[in-house]
Structures are given as structure tokens and as C-alpha cells.
Amino acid sequence: MQLVWPSREYLPSYVSALERGWSPNNLRPEAAQEELSAIRADAAGFLDGLVDREAKGAPVKLPDGTTVPRLPGYRRWMWDGEFCGSIGLRWQPGTNCLPDYCLGHIGYGVVPWKSGQGYATQALASLLLDAANEGLTYVEITTSPDNFASQKVIRANGGVLVEEFKKRPELGGSPELRFRVDI
């Protein structure tokens, strides 16, 4: 498995994953259909929007429908001959801190038919190098208390549990775990 930059070459396999029901946003399953619509309307524009290091894109829609300012960031795709999943990095320039509406620096998801192969662990290890290049000295990653697979991925990359908390109401209000990975 390798991380690739989203491009036309990999787009058909990405579209196939979306059509099979995978969503790049575990808080908003409807994001899959929104992305399919965006790809159909302007594939090049969609791909360009996945790498937004200057936060020029549209505001981000939260699960309750409110919008918040976009942070600089990008997504990379996991690839093993076909699309396996996505991992993204977001940050605020000049600081490790994130706004309270952003649950973590890194989010990832593996398509269900490729889970259990260590792809998320490998992808996170690779993305930590990118985070260091952005000037971050640590990253925070959150997961639900019952997502043991994600906790295993985070811990395998040196993550340490720093708190249990409840997400803000506009993010669903459910319990969450925050891990920190020093870089």
C-alpha cells in the first residue's frame, strides 16, 4: 500500500468506492453522495479541492448543517492497485492548536473490503512525516470509545490517550477519545 495524491488516474476507483457506500467523512455519511455530485459536475475542480494548503476552499459543513472556516489541509489516497481509503491532514499555520470545531489534525478511513490489512497504520505513519514538514510537533487524533481498530492504529504510531470528552453538540455530542502523537 502506498499513499498517492488524488488524481484523474485514481479517480475511477475512488468513485467506485463512493458508489459502493463508503464515505470519506465518518461523521457525515451523506458526504459520499455530495462528492459523487461534485465529481460529476467538475472532476478536475473536485481533485484540486482535495489539496488546499492555503484554505481557499468553501467553508466546511458540520453534521448539524452549520459551516465553519476551512483549515489548510489535504487528503491523500491509500492505493494498492485500487482505492483502499483516504487520510487527511489539517492544521493552523504557526501552531499545533486547532479550533474547537476541529476534532483532530488527522482523519482516516479504510474501505470495509480492505480493512484489517494494516493500511491505516501504514498511512498514518507516512502522514506523520508530512505533519512534521508542516511544522507540527505533535498531532491530535480522535476516535469513538468503541472504535478499537482506530485506537490500535493510533497506538501503533505512538499515540497516547490524553482525554475522554464529549463532542460539541453541532458535532453530534457523543463521547470521544483524544490521542496525541508526538512527532
N, C-alpha and C. Protein backbone atom coordinates (compact mmCIF):
# COMPACT_ATOMS: atom_id res chain seq x y z
N MET A 1 0.84 -1.18 0.00
CA MET A 1 0.00 0.00 0.00
C MET A 1 0.88 1.24 0.00
N GLN A 2 0.48 2.21 -0.78
CA GLN A 2 1.18 3.49 -0.80
C GLN A 2 0.17 4.63 -0.74
N LEU A 3 0.63 5.79 -0.30
CA LEU A 3 -0.21 6.98 -0.35
C LEU A 3 0.04 7.68 -1.67
N VAL A 4 -1.05 8.05 -2.34
CA VAL A 4 -0.95 8.76 -3.61
C VAL A 4 -1.73 10.07 -3.48
N TRP A 5 -1.35 11.03 -4.31
CA TRP A 5 -2.11 12.27 -4.38
C TRP A 5 -3.33 12.02 -5.26
N PRO A 6 -4.48 12.52 -4.85
CA PRO A 6 -5.67 12.35 -5.69
C PRO A 6 -5.42 12.88 -7.10
N SER A 7 -5.77 12.06 -8.09
CA SER A 7 -5.57 12.46 -9.48
C SER A 7 -6.57 11.71 -10.36
N ARG A 8 -6.65 12.15 -11.62
CA ARG A 8 -7.56 11.50 -12.59
C ARG A 8 -7.26 10.02 -12.73
N GLU A 9 -5.99 9.66 -12.63
CA GLU A 9 -5.58 8.27 -12.77
C GLU A 9 -6.29 7.36 -11.76
N TYR A 10 -6.47 7.84 -10.53
CA TYR A 10 -7.04 7.06 -9.45
C TYR A 10 -8.53 7.32 -9.23
N LEU A 11 -9.06 8.33 -9.90
CA LEU A 11 -10.43 8.76 -9.66
C LEU A 11 -11.48 7.68 -9.91
N PRO A 12 -11.40 6.89 -11.00
CA PRO A 12 -12.44 5.86 -11.21
C PRO A 12 -12.57 4.88 -10.03
N SER A 13 -11.46 4.52 -9.44
CA SER A 13 -11.51 3.60 -8.31
C SER A 13 -12.09 4.28 -7.08
N TYR A 14 -11.80 5.57 -6.90
CA TYR A 14 -12.38 6.34 -5.81
C TYR A 14 -13.89 6.43 -5.98
N VAL A 15 -14.33 6.74 -7.19
CA VAL A 15 -15.76 6.82 -7.49
C VAL A 15 -16.43 5.48 -7.19
N SER A 16 -15.79 4.40 -7.55
CA SER A 16 -16.35 3.07 -7.30
C SER A 16 -16.57 2.85 -5.80
N ALA A 17 -15.61 3.27 -4.98
CA ALA A 17 -15.76 3.12 -3.52
C ALA A 17 -16.93 3.94 -3.01
N LEU A 18 -17.07 5.18 -3.50
CA LEU A 18 -18.20 6.01 -3.09
C LEU A 18 -19.52 5.36 -3.51
N GLU A 19 -19.56 4.82 -4.70
CA GLU A 19 -20.78 4.18 -5.21
C GLU A 19 -21.13 2.91 -4.42
N ARG A 20 -20.12 2.28 -3.84
CA ARG A 20 -20.35 1.08 -3.03
C ARG A 20 -20.76 1.42 -1.60
N GLY A 21 -20.86 2.73 -1.29
CA GLY A 21 -21.35 3.14 0.02
C GLY A 21 -20.32 3.64 1.01
N TRP A 22 -19.04 3.64 0.63
CA TRP A 22 -18.02 4.17 1.53
C TRP A 22 -18.12 5.69 1.54
N SER A 23 -17.92 6.31 2.70
CA SER A 23 -17.92 7.77 2.81
C SER A 23 -16.59 8.24 3.36
N PRO A 24 -16.04 9.32 2.81
CA PRO A 24 -14.78 9.86 3.32
C PRO A 24 -14.95 10.60 4.64
N ASN A 25 -16.19 10.76 5.10
CA ASN A 25 -16.47 11.50 6.33
C ASN A 25 -17.32 10.62 7.24
N ASN A 26 -16.69 10.10 8.31
CA ASN A 26 -17.43 9.18 9.18
C ASN A 26 -18.48 9.90 10.03
N LEU A 27 -18.46 11.23 10.07
CA LEU A 27 -19.49 11.97 10.78
C LEU A 27 -20.67 12.31 9.87
N ARG A 28 -20.44 12.28 8.55
CA ARG A 28 -21.47 12.66 7.59
C ARG A 28 -21.49 11.65 6.43
N PRO A 29 -22.21 10.54 6.59
CA PRO A 29 -22.25 9.53 5.52
C PRO A 29 -22.74 10.10 4.19
N GLU A 30 -23.57 11.15 4.24
CA GLU A 30 -24.08 11.76 3.01
C GLU A 30 -22.97 12.44 2.20
N ALA A 31 -21.79 12.58 2.79
CA ALA A 31 -20.67 13.18 2.07
C ALA A 31 -20.31 12.38 0.82
N ALA A 32 -20.57 11.08 0.83
CA ALA A 32 -20.28 10.25 -0.35
C ALA A 32 -21.09 10.73 -1.55
N GLN A 33 -22.38 10.94 -1.36
CA GLN A 33 -23.22 11.41 -2.47
C GLN A 33 -22.85 12.84 -2.88
N GLU A 34 -22.50 13.67 -1.91
CA GLU A 34 -22.08 15.03 -2.23
C GLU A 34 -20.81 15.02 -3.08
N GLU A 35 -19.89 14.14 -2.75
CA GLU A 35 -18.65 14.05 -3.54
C GLU A 35 -18.93 13.49 -4.93
N LEU A 36 -19.79 12.50 -5.03
CA LEU A 36 -20.13 11.98 -6.36
C LEU A 36 -20.74 13.09 -7.22
N SER A 37 -21.59 13.90 -6.66
CA SER A 37 -22.18 15.02 -7.40
C SER A 37 -21.11 16.01 -7.83
N ALA A 38 -20.19 16.32 -6.93
CA ALA A 38 -19.11 17.26 -7.25
C ALA A 38 -18.22 16.71 -8.36
N ILE A 39 -17.93 15.42 -8.32
CA ILE A 39 -17.09 14.80 -9.35
C ILE A 39 -17.79 14.85 -10.70
N ARG A 40 -19.08 14.55 -10.71
CA ARG A 40 -19.83 14.59 -11.98
C ARG A 40 -19.88 16.00 -12.55
N ALA A 41 -19.97 17.00 -11.67
CA ALA A 41 -20.08 18.39 -12.11
C ALA A 41 -18.74 18.94 -12.59
N ASP A 42 -17.63 18.57 -11.92
CA ASP A 42 -16.32 19.14 -12.24
C ASP A 42 -15.23 18.28 -11.60
N ALA A 43 -14.85 17.22 -12.27
CA ALA A 43 -13.87 16.28 -11.71
C ALA A 43 -12.54 16.97 -11.40
N ALA A 44 -12.06 17.80 -12.31
CA ALA A 44 -10.78 18.48 -12.08
C ALA A 44 -10.87 19.40 -10.87
N GLY A 45 -11.95 20.14 -10.77
CA GLY A 45 -12.14 21.03 -9.62
C GLY A 45 -12.24 20.25 -8.32
N PHE A 46 -12.92 19.11 -8.36
CA PHE A 46 -13.02 18.27 -7.17
C PHE A 46 -11.63 17.83 -6.72
N LEU A 47 -10.84 17.31 -7.66
CA LEU A 47 -9.50 16.84 -7.32
C LEU A 47 -8.63 17.98 -6.78
N ASP A 48 -8.71 19.14 -7.41
CA ASP A 48 -7.94 20.29 -6.93
C ASP A 48 -8.31 20.66 -5.51
N GLY A 49 -9.59 20.54 -5.17
CA GLY A 49 -10.07 20.91 -3.84
C GLY A 49 -9.61 19.98 -2.73
N LEU A 50 -9.12 18.80 -3.08
CA LEU A 50 -8.64 17.86 -2.05
C LEU A 50 -7.27 18.23 -1.52
N VAL A 51 -6.60 19.12 -2.21
CA VAL A 51 -5.30 19.63 -1.75
C VAL A 51 -5.45 21.14 -1.66
N ASP A 52 -5.66 21.63 -0.43
CA ASP A 52 -5.96 23.04 -0.20
C ASP A 52 -5.08 23.56 0.93
N ARG A 53 -3.82 23.71 0.64
CA ARG A 53 -2.83 24.11 1.64
C ARG A 53 -3.01 25.55 2.11
N GLU A 54 -3.78 26.35 1.38
CA GLU A 54 -3.99 27.75 1.77
C GLU A 54 -5.42 27.99 2.29
N ALA A 55 -6.21 26.95 2.42
CA ALA A 55 -7.59 27.05 2.92
C ALA A 55 -8.42 28.01 2.07
N LYS A 56 -8.30 27.89 0.76
CA LYS A 56 -9.06 28.75 -0.15
C LYS A 56 -10.44 28.19 -0.46
N GLY A 57 -10.69 26.95 -0.10
CA GLY A 57 -11.96 26.30 -0.42
C GLY A 57 -13.12 26.82 0.40
N ALA A 58 -14.28 26.32 0.07
CA ALA A 58 -15.51 26.71 0.75
C ALA A 58 -15.46 26.31 2.23
N PRO A 59 -16.28 26.95 3.04
CA PRO A 59 -16.36 26.55 4.45
C PRO A 59 -16.75 25.07 4.57
N VAL A 60 -16.47 24.49 5.71
CA VAL A 60 -16.74 23.08 5.98
C VAL A 60 -18.10 22.95 6.65
N LYS A 61 -18.91 22.00 6.14
CA LYS A 61 -20.23 21.76 6.73
C LYS A 61 -20.11 20.73 7.85
N LEU A 62 -20.60 21.09 9.03
CA LEU A 62 -20.60 20.19 10.17
C LEU A 62 -21.85 19.30 10.13
N PRO A 63 -21.87 18.23 10.93
CA PRO A 63 -23.01 17.31 10.89
C PRO A 63 -24.37 17.97 11.13
N ASP A 64 -24.40 19.07 11.88
CA ASP A 64 -25.69 19.73 12.14
C ASP A 64 -26.07 20.72 11.04
N GLY A 65 -25.23 20.82 10.00
CA GLY A 65 -25.52 21.71 8.88
C GLY A 65 -24.88 23.08 8.97
N THR A 66 -24.33 23.45 10.12
CA THR A 66 -23.63 24.72 10.22
C THR A 66 -22.31 24.63 9.48
N THR A 67 -21.75 25.79 9.16
CA THR A 67 -20.46 25.81 8.47
C THR A 67 -19.43 26.54 9.31
N VAL A 68 -18.19 26.16 9.13
CA VAL A 68 -17.06 26.75 9.84
C VAL A 68 -15.94 27.00 8.83
N PRO A 69 -15.02 27.92 9.15
CA PRO A 69 -13.92 28.19 8.21
C PRO A 69 -13.08 26.94 7.94
N ARG A 70 -12.66 26.82 6.71
CA ARG A 70 -11.80 25.72 6.30
C ARG A 70 -10.38 25.95 6.83
N LEU A 71 -9.73 24.89 7.25
CA LEU A 71 -8.32 24.94 7.65
C LEU A 71 -7.47 24.51 6.46
N PRO A 72 -6.21 24.94 6.44
CA PRO A 72 -5.30 24.40 5.43
C PRO A 72 -5.21 22.88 5.60
N GLY A 73 -5.12 22.19 4.49
CA GLY A 73 -5.01 20.74 4.60
C GLY A 73 -5.08 20.05 3.26
N TYR A 74 -5.05 18.74 3.32
CA TYR A 74 -5.15 17.94 2.10
C TYR A 74 -5.49 16.51 2.47
N ARG A 75 -5.93 15.81 1.44
CA ARG A 75 -6.18 14.37 1.55
C ARG A 75 -5.21 13.63 0.65
N ARG A 76 -4.82 12.46 1.10
CA ARG A 76 -4.07 11.51 0.29
C ARG A 76 -4.92 10.25 0.21
N TRP A 77 -4.74 9.48 -0.84
CA TRP A 77 -5.48 8.25 -1.01
C TRP A 77 -4.58 7.04 -0.79
N MET A 78 -5.11 6.04 -0.13
CA MET A 78 -4.42 4.76 0.04
C MET A 78 -4.67 3.94 -1.22
N TRP A 79 -3.59 3.37 -1.74
CA TRP A 79 -3.65 2.69 -3.03
C TRP A 79 -2.85 1.40 -2.98
N ASP A 80 -3.47 0.30 -3.40
CA ASP A 80 -2.75 -0.98 -3.51
C ASP A 80 -3.02 -1.62 -4.87
N GLY A 81 -3.24 -0.77 -5.86
CA GLY A 81 -3.68 -1.22 -7.18
C GLY A 81 -5.12 -0.80 -7.40
N GLU A 82 -5.79 -0.46 -6.30
CA GLU A 82 -7.12 0.15 -6.32
C GLU A 82 -7.26 1.00 -5.06
N PHE A 83 -8.29 1.83 -5.04
CA PHE A 83 -8.51 2.71 -3.90
C PHE A 83 -8.81 1.88 -2.65
N CYS A 84 -8.11 2.20 -1.56
CA CYS A 84 -8.26 1.48 -0.29
C CYS A 84 -8.83 2.34 0.82
N GLY A 85 -8.63 3.66 0.72
CA GLY A 85 -9.06 4.54 1.79
C GLY A 85 -8.46 5.92 1.60
N SER A 86 -8.73 6.77 2.57
CA SER A 86 -8.31 8.15 2.50
C SER A 86 -7.76 8.57 3.86
N ILE A 87 -6.79 9.45 3.85
CA ILE A 87 -6.25 10.02 5.07
C ILE A 87 -5.99 11.49 4.82
N GLY A 88 -6.36 12.31 5.77
CA GLY A 88 -6.21 13.75 5.59
C GLY A 88 -5.49 14.40 6.75
N LEU A 89 -4.83 15.49 6.44
CA LEU A 89 -4.12 16.30 7.41
C LEU A 89 -4.65 17.72 7.34
N ARG A 90 -4.92 18.32 8.49
CA ARG A 90 -5.32 19.73 8.56
C ARG A 90 -4.58 20.37 9.72
N TRP A 91 -4.36 21.67 9.61
CA TRP A 91 -3.57 22.37 10.62
C TRP A 91 -3.87 23.86 10.58
N GLN A 92 -3.40 24.54 11.61
CA GLN A 92 -3.42 26.00 11.63
C GLN A 92 -1.95 26.43 11.54
N PRO A 93 -1.60 27.23 10.56
CA PRO A 93 -0.20 27.64 10.42
C PRO A 93 0.34 28.29 11.69
N GLY A 94 1.55 27.89 12.05
CA GLY A 94 2.25 28.51 13.16
C GLY A 94 1.90 27.97 14.54
N THR A 95 1.02 26.98 14.62
CA THR A 95 0.64 26.45 15.93
C THR A 95 0.20 24.99 15.80
N ASN A 96 0.32 24.27 16.90
CA ASN A 96 -0.22 22.91 16.96
C ASN A 96 -1.71 22.92 17.30
N CYS A 97 -2.20 24.05 17.81
CA CYS A 97 -3.59 24.15 18.26
C CYS A 97 -4.57 24.12 17.08
N LEU A 98 -5.75 23.60 17.37
CA LEU A 98 -6.83 23.56 16.40
C LEU A 98 -8.04 24.27 16.99
N PRO A 99 -8.91 24.82 16.14
CA PRO A 99 -10.14 25.41 16.67
C PRO A 99 -11.01 24.32 17.30
N ASP A 100 -11.89 24.70 18.22
CA ASP A 100 -12.66 23.70 18.95
C ASP A 100 -13.65 22.93 18.09
N TYR A 101 -13.93 23.40 16.88
CA TYR A 101 -14.83 22.67 15.99
C TYR A 101 -14.10 21.59 15.19
N CYS A 102 -12.79 21.54 15.30
CA CYS A 102 -11.99 20.55 14.57
C CYS A 102 -11.50 19.50 15.56
N LEU A 103 -11.93 18.26 15.38
CA LEU A 103 -11.63 17.22 16.35
C LEU A 103 -10.19 16.73 16.33
N GLY A 104 -9.48 16.92 15.24
CA GLY A 104 -8.11 16.44 15.21
C GLY A 104 -7.39 16.86 13.95
N HIS A 105 -6.08 16.69 13.96
CA HIS A 105 -5.25 17.03 12.81
C HIS A 105 -5.40 16.03 11.67
N ILE A 106 -5.66 14.79 12.03
CA ILE A 106 -5.67 13.71 11.04
C ILE A 106 -6.97 12.92 11.15
N GLY A 107 -7.53 12.64 9.99
CA GLY A 107 -8.68 11.75 9.91
C GLY A 107 -8.43 10.73 8.81
N TYR A 108 -8.91 9.54 9.00
CA TYR A 108 -8.68 8.50 8.00
C TYR A 108 -9.83 7.51 7.99
N GLY A 109 -9.90 6.80 6.91
CA GLY A 109 -10.89 5.75 6.78
C GLY A 109 -10.47 4.78 5.69
N VAL A 110 -10.64 3.51 5.96
CA VAL A 110 -10.33 2.45 5.00
C VAL A 110 -11.65 1.85 4.54
N VAL A 111 -11.75 1.56 3.27
CA VAL A 111 -12.97 0.93 2.76
C VAL A 111 -13.14 -0.43 3.46
N PRO A 112 -14.38 -0.81 3.77
CA PRO A 112 -14.60 -2.04 4.55
C PRO A 112 -13.99 -3.29 3.93
N TRP A 113 -13.96 -3.36 2.62
CA TRP A 113 -13.46 -4.57 1.96
C TRP A 113 -11.93 -4.64 1.96
N LYS A 114 -11.26 -3.63 2.54
CA LYS A 114 -9.80 -3.66 2.66
C LYS A 114 -9.35 -3.55 4.12
N SER A 115 -10.31 -3.54 5.06
CA SER A 115 -9.94 -3.36 6.46
C SER A 115 -9.19 -4.58 6.99
N GLY A 116 -8.45 -4.37 8.06
CA GLY A 116 -7.72 -5.46 8.70
C GLY A 116 -6.40 -5.82 8.05
N GLN A 117 -5.95 -5.01 7.08
CA GLN A 117 -4.69 -5.31 6.39
C GLN A 117 -3.55 -4.39 6.81
N GLY A 118 -3.79 -3.53 7.80
CA GLY A 118 -2.75 -2.64 8.28
C GLY A 118 -2.58 -1.37 7.47
N TYR A 119 -3.50 -1.11 6.55
CA TYR A 119 -3.36 0.06 5.69
C TYR A 119 -3.45 1.38 6.46
N ALA A 120 -4.37 1.48 7.40
CA ALA A 120 -4.49 2.72 8.16
C ALA A 120 -3.24 2.98 8.99
N THR A 121 -2.68 1.92 9.57
CA THR A 121 -1.45 2.07 10.37
C THR A 121 -0.31 2.59 9.49
N GLN A 122 -0.17 2.01 8.30
CA GLN A 122 0.88 2.45 7.37
C GLN A 122 0.64 3.89 6.91
N ALA A 123 -0.61 4.20 6.60
CA ALA A 123 -0.93 5.54 6.11
C ALA A 123 -0.65 6.58 7.18
N LEU A 124 -1.02 6.30 8.41
CA LEU A 124 -0.77 7.26 9.49
C LEU A 124 0.73 7.46 9.69
N ALA A 125 1.50 6.40 9.66
CA ALA A 125 2.96 6.54 9.81
C ALA A 125 3.53 7.45 8.73
N SER A 126 3.06 7.29 7.50
CA SER A 126 3.53 8.14 6.40
C SER A 126 3.10 9.59 6.58
N LEU A 127 1.86 9.78 7.02
CA LEU A 127 1.34 11.15 7.14
C LEU A 127 1.99 11.90 8.30
N LEU A 128 2.47 11.19 9.29
CA LEU A 128 3.16 11.86 10.39
C LEU A 128 4.42 12.58 9.88
N LEU A 129 5.06 12.02 8.88
CA LEU A 129 6.23 12.69 8.28
C LEU A 129 5.80 14.00 7.62
N ASP A 130 4.65 13.98 6.94
CA ASP A 130 4.12 15.20 6.32
C ASP A 130 3.80 16.25 7.39
N ALA A 131 3.21 15.80 8.50
CA ALA A 131 2.86 16.73 9.58
C ALA A 131 4.10 17.43 10.12
N ALA A 132 5.18 16.69 10.26
CA ALA A 132 6.44 17.29 10.72
C ALA A 132 6.91 18.34 9.73
N ASN A 133 6.76 18.06 8.44
CA ASN A 133 7.16 19.03 7.41
C ASN A 133 6.31 20.29 7.43
N GLU A 134 5.11 20.21 8.00
CA GLU A 134 4.25 21.39 8.15
C GLU A 134 4.57 22.16 9.42
N GLY A 135 5.56 21.69 10.20
CA GLY A 135 5.97 22.38 11.41
C GLY A 135 5.28 21.91 12.67
N LEU A 136 4.47 20.87 12.57
CA LEU A 136 3.79 20.36 13.76
C LEU A 136 4.76 19.52 14.60
N THR A 137 4.68 19.67 15.90
CA THR A 137 5.50 18.86 16.80
C THR A 137 4.71 17.70 17.39
N TYR A 138 3.40 17.77 17.25
CA TYR A 138 2.53 16.67 17.62
C TYR A 138 1.23 16.82 16.82
N VAL A 139 0.48 15.73 16.76
CA VAL A 139 -0.86 15.78 16.18
C VAL A 139 -1.83 15.18 17.18
N GLU A 140 -3.06 15.64 17.08
CA GLU A 140 -4.14 15.05 17.86
C GLU A 140 -5.07 14.31 16.91
N ILE A 141 -5.52 13.15 17.36
CA ILE A 141 -6.43 12.32 16.58
C ILE A 141 -7.51 11.85 17.54
N THR A 142 -8.76 11.94 17.12
CA THR A 142 -9.85 11.49 17.97
C THR A 142 -10.54 10.28 17.35
N THR A 143 -11.17 9.52 18.23
CA THR A 143 -11.94 8.36 17.80
C THR A 143 -12.98 8.05 18.86
N SER A 144 -13.99 7.32 18.48
CA SER A 144 -15.02 6.96 19.45
C SER A 144 -14.49 5.88 20.39
N PRO A 145 -15.01 5.83 21.61
CA PRO A 145 -14.53 4.84 22.58
C PRO A 145 -14.71 3.40 22.12
N ASP A 146 -15.65 3.14 21.22
CA ASP A 146 -15.87 1.76 20.77
C ASP A 146 -15.15 1.42 19.46
N ASN A 147 -14.36 2.35 18.93
CA ASN A 147 -13.62 2.09 17.70
C ASN A 147 -12.23 1.56 18.05
N PHE A 148 -12.20 0.30 18.43
CA PHE A 148 -10.95 -0.31 18.89
C PHE A 148 -9.92 -0.43 17.77
N ALA A 149 -10.38 -0.61 16.54
CA ALA A 149 -9.45 -0.70 15.41
C ALA A 149 -8.69 0.61 15.24
N SER A 150 -9.40 1.73 15.31
CA SER A 150 -8.75 3.03 15.17
C SER A 150 -7.80 3.29 16.34
N GLN A 151 -8.21 2.92 17.54
CA GLN A 151 -7.34 3.10 18.70
C GLN A 151 -6.04 2.30 18.53
N LYS A 152 -6.15 1.11 17.97
CA LYS A 152 -4.98 0.27 17.72
C LYS A 152 -4.04 0.95 16.71
N VAL A 153 -4.62 1.55 15.65
CA VAL A 153 -3.83 2.26 14.64
C VAL A 153 -3.07 3.41 15.28
N ILE A 154 -3.77 4.20 16.09
CA ILE A 154 -3.16 5.36 16.72
C ILE A 154 -2.06 4.93 17.68
N ARG A 155 -2.34 3.94 18.51
CA ARG A 155 -1.33 3.48 19.48
C ARG A 155 -0.12 2.87 18.78
N ALA A 156 -0.33 2.19 17.65
CA ALA A 156 0.78 1.60 16.90
C ALA A 156 1.72 2.68 16.37
N ASN A 157 1.22 3.90 16.26
CA ASN A 157 2.03 5.02 15.79
C ASN A 157 2.48 5.94 16.93
N GLY A 158 2.44 5.43 18.15
CA GLY A 158 2.93 6.18 19.31
C GLY A 158 1.89 7.05 19.99
N GLY A 159 0.65 6.90 19.63
CA GLY A 159 -0.41 7.72 20.22
C GLY A 159 -0.65 7.38 21.68
N VAL A 160 -0.89 8.44 22.47
CA VAL A 160 -1.17 8.31 23.89
C VAL A 160 -2.51 8.98 24.16
N LEU A 161 -3.36 8.30 24.90
CA LEU A 161 -4.66 8.87 25.26
C LEU A 161 -4.44 10.06 26.19
N VAL A 162 -5.01 11.22 25.82
CA VAL A 162 -4.87 12.40 26.67
C VAL A 162 -6.18 12.81 27.33
N GLU A 163 -7.32 12.43 26.74
CA GLU A 163 -8.58 12.75 27.40
C GLU A 163 -9.75 12.01 26.79
N GLU A 164 -10.76 11.84 27.62
CA GLU A 164 -12.08 11.43 27.17
C GLU A 164 -12.94 12.68 27.27
N PHE A 165 -13.76 12.95 26.26
CA PHE A 165 -14.57 14.15 26.26
C PHE A 165 -15.85 13.91 25.50
N LYS A 166 -16.73 14.87 25.55
CA LYS A 166 -17.97 14.82 24.79
C LYS A 166 -17.87 15.85 23.67
N LYS A 167 -18.16 15.40 22.45
CA LYS A 167 -18.10 16.31 21.29
C LYS A 167 -19.12 17.43 21.46
N ARG A 168 -18.80 18.57 20.86
CA ARG A 168 -19.73 19.68 20.86
C ARG A 168 -21.05 19.23 20.23
N PRO A 169 -22.18 19.84 20.64
CA PRO A 169 -23.48 19.43 20.10
C PRO A 169 -23.55 19.44 18.57
N GLU A 170 -22.94 20.44 17.93
CA GLU A 170 -23.00 20.51 16.46
C GLU A 170 -22.18 19.42 15.79
N LEU A 171 -21.36 18.72 16.58
CA LEU A 171 -20.58 17.59 16.08
C LEU A 171 -21.18 16.26 16.51
N GLY A 172 -22.34 16.31 17.12
CA GLY A 172 -23.04 15.09 17.50
C GLY A 172 -23.18 14.85 18.99
N GLY A 173 -22.34 15.51 19.81
CA GLY A 173 -22.47 15.40 21.26
C GLY A 173 -22.11 14.06 21.87
N SER A 174 -21.55 13.16 21.10
CA SER A 174 -21.24 11.83 21.61
C SER A 174 -19.87 11.79 22.30
N PRO A 175 -19.62 10.74 23.10
CA PRO A 175 -18.31 10.59 23.75
C PRO A 175 -17.21 10.37 22.70
N GLU A 176 -16.02 10.82 23.04
CA GLU A 176 -14.89 10.72 22.12
C GLU A 176 -13.60 10.58 22.93
N LEU A 177 -12.59 10.00 22.32
CA LEU A 177 -11.26 9.90 22.93
C LEU A 177 -10.30 10.75 22.11
N ARG A 178 -9.43 11.49 22.80
CA ARG A 178 -8.41 12.29 22.11
C ARG A 178 -7.04 11.69 22.42
N PHE A 179 -6.32 11.38 21.34
CA PHE A 179 -4.95 10.88 21.45
C PHE A 179 -3.99 11.94 20.93
N ARG A 180 -2.77 11.91 21.46
CA ARG A 180 -1.71 12.78 20.96
C ARG A 180 -0.56 11.90 20.49
N VAL A 181 -0.04 12.24 19.32
CA VAL A 181 1.13 11.54 18.77
C VAL A 181 2.23 12.58 18.63
N ASP A 182 3.30 12.44 19.42
CA ASP A 182 4.44 13.34 19.28
C ASP A 182 5.22 12.97 18.04
N ILE A 183 5.70 14.01 17.36
CA ILE A 183 6.43 13.79 16.11
C ILE A 183 7.92 14.02 16.36
